[in-house]
C-alpha cells in the first residue's frame, strides 16, 4: 500500500484502485474518486465501511468525543475498517484528526488486530481501533475470554449490524 500511495503521489500512476474509504482522510492530496462499487443491499459505499472503538471494561471513557487526548492503538494506518473509518467518525464530531493522529494514535505495524485488544487490556492504550466484525469472529472461534476485559463504545451508527 505504501509503494502504491508513493507512486500515486509522485505522478507515476494516473489511476489506482484502493480499498473503499481510502480517501476519507486524504484532504491534502489531489486524488479524486472516479468510481465506487456498491450493491442493492449496500447502496452507500460508506455504510459498508465500519470499525469498532474499544476501551477497557473499567474505563471511564463513555463516548467517541472523549478520545482526543488519550493514547489510541491501531494495527495499521492503511486499515480502512480498523483505522480510517474510525477517524472519519471522529472528524464528523469535529475532532482535529491531524493532531489526534500525530499526538495520540500509535500503530502496531502489523495486521493482527488482536494485538490492539491486548494493548487496551494491558493499559498501554486507553482505546483501540479494530475492524467491525473482529469481535464476532473471536466469538465464533470460541475465544470469547479474550473479550472479557473490553467493551465497545456506542456511536451514531444506525446501519445493519455486522
C-alpha atoms as a PDB file:
ATOM      1  CA  UNK A   1       0.000   0.000   0.000  1.00  0.00           C
ATOM      2  CA  UNK A   2       2.811   2.447   0.866  1.00  0.00           C
ATOM      3  CA  UNK A   3       4.501   1.873  -2.519  1.00  0.00           C
ATOM      4  CA  UNK A   4       1.261   2.439  -4.440  1.00  0.00           C
ATOM      5  CA  UNK A   5       0.496   5.552  -2.419  1.00  0.00           C
ATOM      6  CA  UNK A   6       4.002   6.946  -3.033  1.00  0.00           C
ATOM      7  CA  UNK A   7       3.881   6.242  -6.789  1.00  0.00           C
ATOM      8  CA  UNK A   8       0.462   7.878  -6.987  1.00  0.00           C
ATOM      9  CA  UNK A   9       1.713  10.981  -5.135  1.00  0.00           C
ATOM     10  CA  UNK A  10       4.777  11.209  -7.408  1.00  0.00           C
ATOM     11  CA  UNK A  11       2.583  11.202 -10.503  1.00  0.00           C
ATOM     12  CA  UNK A  12       3.845   7.834 -11.731  1.00  0.00           C
ATOM     13  CA  UNK A  13       0.268   6.499 -11.745  1.00  0.00           C
ATOM     14  CA  UNK A  14      -2.769   8.081 -13.306  1.00  0.00           C
ATOM     15  CA  UNK A  15      -5.241   5.610 -11.884  1.00  0.00           C
ATOM     16  CA  UNK A  16      -5.159   3.489  -8.754  1.00  0.00           C
ATOM     17  CA  UNK A  17      -7.576   1.064  -7.158  1.00  0.00           C
ATOM     18  CA  UNK A  18      -7.775   1.398  -3.396  1.00  0.00           C
ATOM     19  CA  UNK A  19      -9.987  -0.100  -0.706  1.00  0.00           C
ATOM     20  CA  UNK A  20     -13.274   1.662  -0.069  1.00  0.00           C
ATOM     21  CA  UNK A  21     -12.713   4.520   2.315  1.00  0.00           C
ATOM     22  CA  UNK A  22      -9.112   5.283   1.337  1.00  0.00           C
ATOM     23  CA  UNK A  23      -9.900   8.910   0.524  1.00  0.00           C
ATOM     24  CA  UNK A  24     -11.569   9.500   3.906  1.00  0.00           C
ATOM     25  CA  UNK A  25      -8.511  11.163   5.420  1.00  0.00           C
ATOM     26  CA  UNK A  26      -6.712  12.337   2.305  1.00  0.00           C
ATOM     27  CA  UNK A  27      -7.780  16.001   2.418  1.00  0.00           C
ATOM     28  CA  UNK A  28      -4.453  17.498   1.340  1.00  0.00           C
ATOM     29  CA  UNK A  29      -3.876  15.345  -1.728  1.00  0.00           C
ATOM     30  CA  UNK A  30      -5.021  15.836  -5.274  1.00  0.00           C
ATOM     31  CA  UNK A  31      -6.750  12.453  -5.517  1.00  0.00           C
ATOM     32  CA  UNK A  32     -10.265  12.297  -6.867  1.00  0.00           C
ATOM     33  CA  UNK A  33     -12.711   9.445  -6.571  1.00  0.00           C
ATOM     34  CA  UNK A  34     -13.643   8.186 -10.013  1.00  0.00           C
ATOM     35  CA  UNK A  35     -15.817   5.210  -9.175  1.00  0.00           C
ATOM     36  CA  UNK A  36     -17.091   3.205  -6.227  1.00  0.00           C
ATOM     37  CA  UNK A  37     -18.708  -0.204  -6.360  1.00  0.00           C
ATOM     38  CA  UNK A  38     -21.942  -0.712  -4.415  1.00  0.00           C
ATOM     39  CA  UNK A  39     -24.749  -3.258  -4.288  1.00  0.00           C
ATOM     40  CA  UNK A  40     -28.529  -3.225  -3.883  1.00  0.00           C
ATOM     41  CA  UNK A  41     -28.082  -4.259  -0.257  1.00  0.00           C
ATOM     42  CA  UNK A  42     -25.496  -1.549   0.428  1.00  0.00           C
ATOM     43  CA  UNK A  43     -26.131   1.400  -1.891  1.00  0.00           C
ATOM     44  CA  UNK A  44     -23.999   3.786   0.190  1.00  0.00           C
ATOM     45  CA  UNK A  45     -20.300   2.820  -0.050  1.00  0.00           C
ATOM     46  CA  UNK A  46     -19.569   4.474   3.291  1.00  0.00           C
ATOM     47  CA  UNK A  47     -22.257   2.456   5.082  1.00  0.00           C
ATOM     48  CA  UNK A  48     -20.334  -0.749   4.392  1.00  0.00           C
ATOM     49  CA  UNK A  49     -17.162   0.586   5.961  1.00  0.00           C
ATOM     50  CA  UNK A  50     -17.200   0.221   9.712  1.00  0.00           C
ATOM     51  CA  UNK A  51     -14.897  -0.078  12.670  1.00  0.00           C
ATOM     52  CA  UNK A  52     -15.243  -0.617  16.381  1.00  0.00           C
ATOM     53  CA  UNK A  53     -13.682   1.523  19.071  1.00  0.00           C
ATOM     54  CA  UNK A  54     -12.852  -0.499  22.148  1.00  0.00           C
ATOM     55  CA  UNK A  55     -11.883   0.520  25.671  1.00  0.00           C
ATOM     56  CA  UNK A  56     -11.105  -1.421  28.814  1.00  0.00           C
ATOM     57  CA  UNK A  57     -14.335  -2.512  30.518  1.00  0.00           C
ATOM     58  CA  UNK A  58     -13.443  -0.433  33.601  1.00  0.00           C
ATOM     59  CA  UNK A  59     -12.546   2.693  31.581  1.00  0.00           C
ATOM     60  CA  UNK A  60     -14.355   5.947  32.393  1.00  0.00           C
ATOM     61  CA  UNK A  61     -14.486   6.759  28.647  1.00  0.00           C
ATOM     62  CA  UNK A  62     -18.121   6.677  27.519  1.00  0.00           C
ATOM     63  CA  UNK A  63     -18.128   8.332  24.061  1.00  0.00           C
ATOM     64  CA  UNK A  64     -16.059   8.924  20.954  1.00  0.00           C
ATOM     65  CA  UNK A  65     -15.754  12.613  21.815  1.00  0.00           C
ATOM     66  CA  UNK A  66     -13.546  11.689  24.789  1.00  0.00           C
ATOM     67  CA  UNK A  67     -10.774  10.205  22.624  1.00  0.00           C
ATOM     68  CA  UNK A  68      -8.930  13.385  21.650  1.00  0.00           C
ATOM     69  CA  UNK A  69      -6.356  13.263  24.468  1.00  0.00           C
ATOM     70  CA  UNK A  70      -5.793   9.571  25.171  1.00  0.00           C
ATOM     71  CA  UNK A  71      -3.388   7.032  23.637  1.00  0.00           C
ATOM     72  CA  UNK A  72      -5.123   5.010  20.930  1.00  0.00           C
ATOM     73  CA  UNK A  73      -3.765   1.815  19.367  1.00  0.00           C
ATOM     74  CA  UNK A  74      -4.397   0.707  15.803  1.00  0.00           C
ATOM     75  CA  UNK A  75      -2.876  -2.196  13.916  1.00  0.00           C
ATOM     76  CA  UNK A  76      -2.152  -0.469  10.632  1.00  0.00           C
ATOM     77  CA  UNK A  77      -2.563   3.070   9.275  1.00  0.00           C
ATOM     78  CA  UNK A  78      -3.932   1.741   5.975  1.00  0.00           C
ATOM     79  CA  UNK A  79      -6.689  -0.325   7.527  1.00  0.00           C
ATOM     80  CA  UNK A  80      -9.935   1.168   6.287  1.00  0.00           C
ATOM     81  CA  UNK A  81     -12.131  -0.691   8.750  1.00  0.00           C
ATOM     82  CA  UNK A  82      -9.641  -0.747  11.596  1.00  0.00           C
ATOM     83  CA  UNK A  83      -8.474   2.857  11.399  1.00  0.00           C
ATOM     84  CA  UNK A  84      -9.748   5.165   8.656  1.00  0.00           C
ATOM     85  CA  UNK A  85     -13.457   4.606   9.311  1.00  0.00           C
ATOM     86  CA  UNK A  86     -12.919   5.395  13.000  1.00  0.00           C
ATOM     87  CA  UNK A  87     -11.036   8.532  12.049  1.00  0.00           C
ATOM     88  CA  UNK A  88     -13.891   9.615   9.820  1.00  0.00           C
ATOM     89  CA  UNK A  89     -16.404   9.288  12.667  1.00  0.00           C
ATOM     90  CA  UNK A  90     -14.164  11.400  14.886  1.00  0.00           C
ATOM     91  CA  UNK A  91     -13.908  14.015  12.126  1.00  0.00           C
ATOM     92  CA  UNK A  92     -17.695  14.166  11.945  1.00  0.00           C
ATOM     93  CA  UNK A  93     -17.688  15.046  15.661  1.00  0.00           C
ATOM     94  CA  UNK A  94     -15.327  17.950  14.957  1.00  0.00           C
ATOM     95  CA  UNK A  95     -12.152  16.298  16.242  1.00  0.00           C
ATOM     96  CA  UNK A  96      -8.925  17.605  14.705  1.00  0.00           C
ATOM     97  CA  UNK A  97      -7.809  14.220  13.399  1.00  0.00           C
ATOM     98  CA  UNK A  98      -4.469  15.517  12.094  1.00  0.00           C
ATOM     99  CA  UNK A  99      -3.497  16.482  15.647  1.00  0.00           C
ATOM    100  CA  UNK A 100      -5.043  13.310  17.026  1.00  0.00           C
ATOM    101  CA  UNK A 101      -3.014  11.004  14.788  1.00  0.00           C
ATOM    102  CA  UNK A 102       0.254  12.866  15.356  1.00  0.00           C
ATOM    103  CA  UNK A 103      -0.076  13.117  19.131  1.00  0.00           C
ATOM    104  CA  UNK A 104      -2.150  10.164  20.282  1.00  0.00           C
ATOM    105  CA  UNK A 105      -2.564   7.320  17.783  1.00  0.00           C
ATOM    106  CA  UNK A 106       0.198   4.757  17.538  1.00  0.00           C
ATOM    107  CA  UNK A 107       0.391   1.897  15.088  1.00  0.00           C
ATOM    108  CA  UNK A 108       1.490  -1.607  15.942  1.00  0.00           C
ATOM    109  CA  UNK A 109       2.717  -2.115  12.374  1.00  0.00           C
ATOM    110  CA  UNK A 110       1.022  -5.440  11.877  1.00  0.00           C
ATOM    111  CA  UNK A 111      -2.275  -6.815  10.662  1.00  0.00           C
ATOM    112  CA  UNK A 112      -3.131  -8.776  13.807  1.00  0.00           C
ATOM    113  CA  UNK A 113      -5.810  -6.662  15.429  1.00  0.00           C
ATOM    114  CA  UNK A 114      -5.972  -8.979  18.431  1.00  0.00           C
ATOM    115  CA  UNK A 115      -2.769  -7.170  19.442  1.00  0.00           C
ATOM    116  CA  UNK A 116      -4.802  -3.942  19.624  1.00  0.00           C
ATOM    117  CA  UNK A 117      -7.110  -5.653  22.113  1.00  0.00           C
ATOM    118  CA  UNK A 118      -4.057  -6.649  24.172  1.00  0.00           C
ATOM    119  CA  UNK A 119      -2.741  -3.057  24.139  1.00  0.00           C
ATOM    120  CA  UNK A 120      -6.063  -1.903  25.596  1.00  0.00           C
ATOM    121  CA  UNK A 121      -6.479  -4.676  28.178  1.00  0.00           C
ATOM    122  CA  UNK A 122      -2.885  -4.274  29.392  1.00  0.00           C
ATOM    123  CA  UNK A 123      -3.339  -0.498  29.747  1.00  0.00           C
ATOM    124  CA  UNK A 124      -0.831   0.768  27.176  1.00  0.00           C
ATOM    125  CA  UNK A 125      -3.685   2.267  25.148  1.00  0.00           C
ATOM    126  CA  UNK A 126      -6.855   3.857  26.516  1.00  0.00           C
ATOM    127  CA  UNK A 127      -8.727   2.918  23.340  1.00  0.00           C
ATOM    128  CA  UNK A 128      -8.236   0.780  20.283  1.00  0.00           C
ATOM    129  CA  UNK A 129      -9.476   0.882  16.701  1.00  0.00           C
ATOM    130  CA  UNK A 130     -10.390  -2.541  15.294  1.00  0.00           C
ATOM    131  CA  UNK A 131     -12.348  -3.673  12.260  1.00  0.00           C
ATOM    132  CA  UNK A 132     -16.044  -4.211  12.646  1.00  0.00           C
ATOM    133  CA  UNK A 133     -16.686  -7.921  12.870  1.00  0.00           C
ATOM    134  CA  UNK A 134     -13.486  -8.859  14.695  1.00  0.00           C
ATOM    135  CA  UNK A 135     -15.411  -9.346  17.925  1.00  0.00           C
ATOM    136  CA  UNK A 136     -17.909 -11.617  16.186  1.00  0.00           C
ATOM    137  CA  UNK A 137     -15.032 -13.571  14.613  1.00  0.00           C
ATOM    138  CA  UNK A 138     -13.440 -14.064  18.033  1.00  0.00           C
ATOM    139  CA  UNK A 139     -16.736 -15.308  19.457  1.00  0.00           C
ATOM    140  CA  UNK A 140     -17.163 -17.737  16.536  1.00  0.00           C
ATOM    141  CA  UNK A 141     -13.689 -19.088  17.248  1.00  0.00           C
ATOM    142  CA  UNK A 142     -14.794 -19.810  20.837  1.00  0.00           C
ATOM    143  CA  UNK A 143     -12.195 -17.403  22.202  1.00  0.00           C
ATOM    144  CA  UNK A 144     -14.662 -15.057  23.909  1.00  0.00           C
ATOM    145  CA  UNK A 145     -12.462 -14.912  27.026  1.00  0.00           C
ATOM    146  CA  UNK A 146     -10.260 -12.506  25.009  1.00  0.00           C
ATOM    147  CA  UNK A 147     -13.181 -10.066  25.138  1.00  0.00           C
ATOM    148  CA  UNK A 148     -13.921 -10.211  28.874  1.00  0.00           C
ATOM    149  CA  UNK A 149     -11.955  -7.065  29.724  1.00  0.00           C
ATOM    150  CA  UNK A 150     -13.125  -4.783  26.880  1.00  0.00           C
ATOM    151  CA  UNK A 151     -16.275  -3.018  25.771  1.00  0.00           C
ATOM    152  CA  UNK A 152     -17.224  -1.284  22.530  1.00  0.00           C
ATOM    153  CA  UNK A 153     -18.073   2.419  22.621  1.00  0.00           C
ATOM    154  CA  UNK A 154     -21.519   3.148  21.259  1.00  0.00           C
ATOM    155  CA  UNK A 155     -21.645   5.515  18.351  1.00  0.00           C
ATOM    156  CA  UNK A 156     -24.061   7.102  15.911  1.00  0.00           C
ATOM    157  CA  UNK A 157     -24.093   4.050  13.638  1.00  0.00           C
ATOM    158  CA  UNK A 158     -27.648   3.178  12.565  1.00  0.00           C
ATOM    159  CA  UNK A 159     -26.932   0.705   9.764  1.00  0.00           C
ATOM    160  CA  UNK A 160     -27.271  -3.033   9.811  1.00  0.00           C
ATOM    161  CA  UNK A 161     -25.365  -4.984  12.458  1.00  0.00           C
ATOM    162  CA  UNK A 162     -22.178  -6.718  11.339  1.00  0.00           C
END
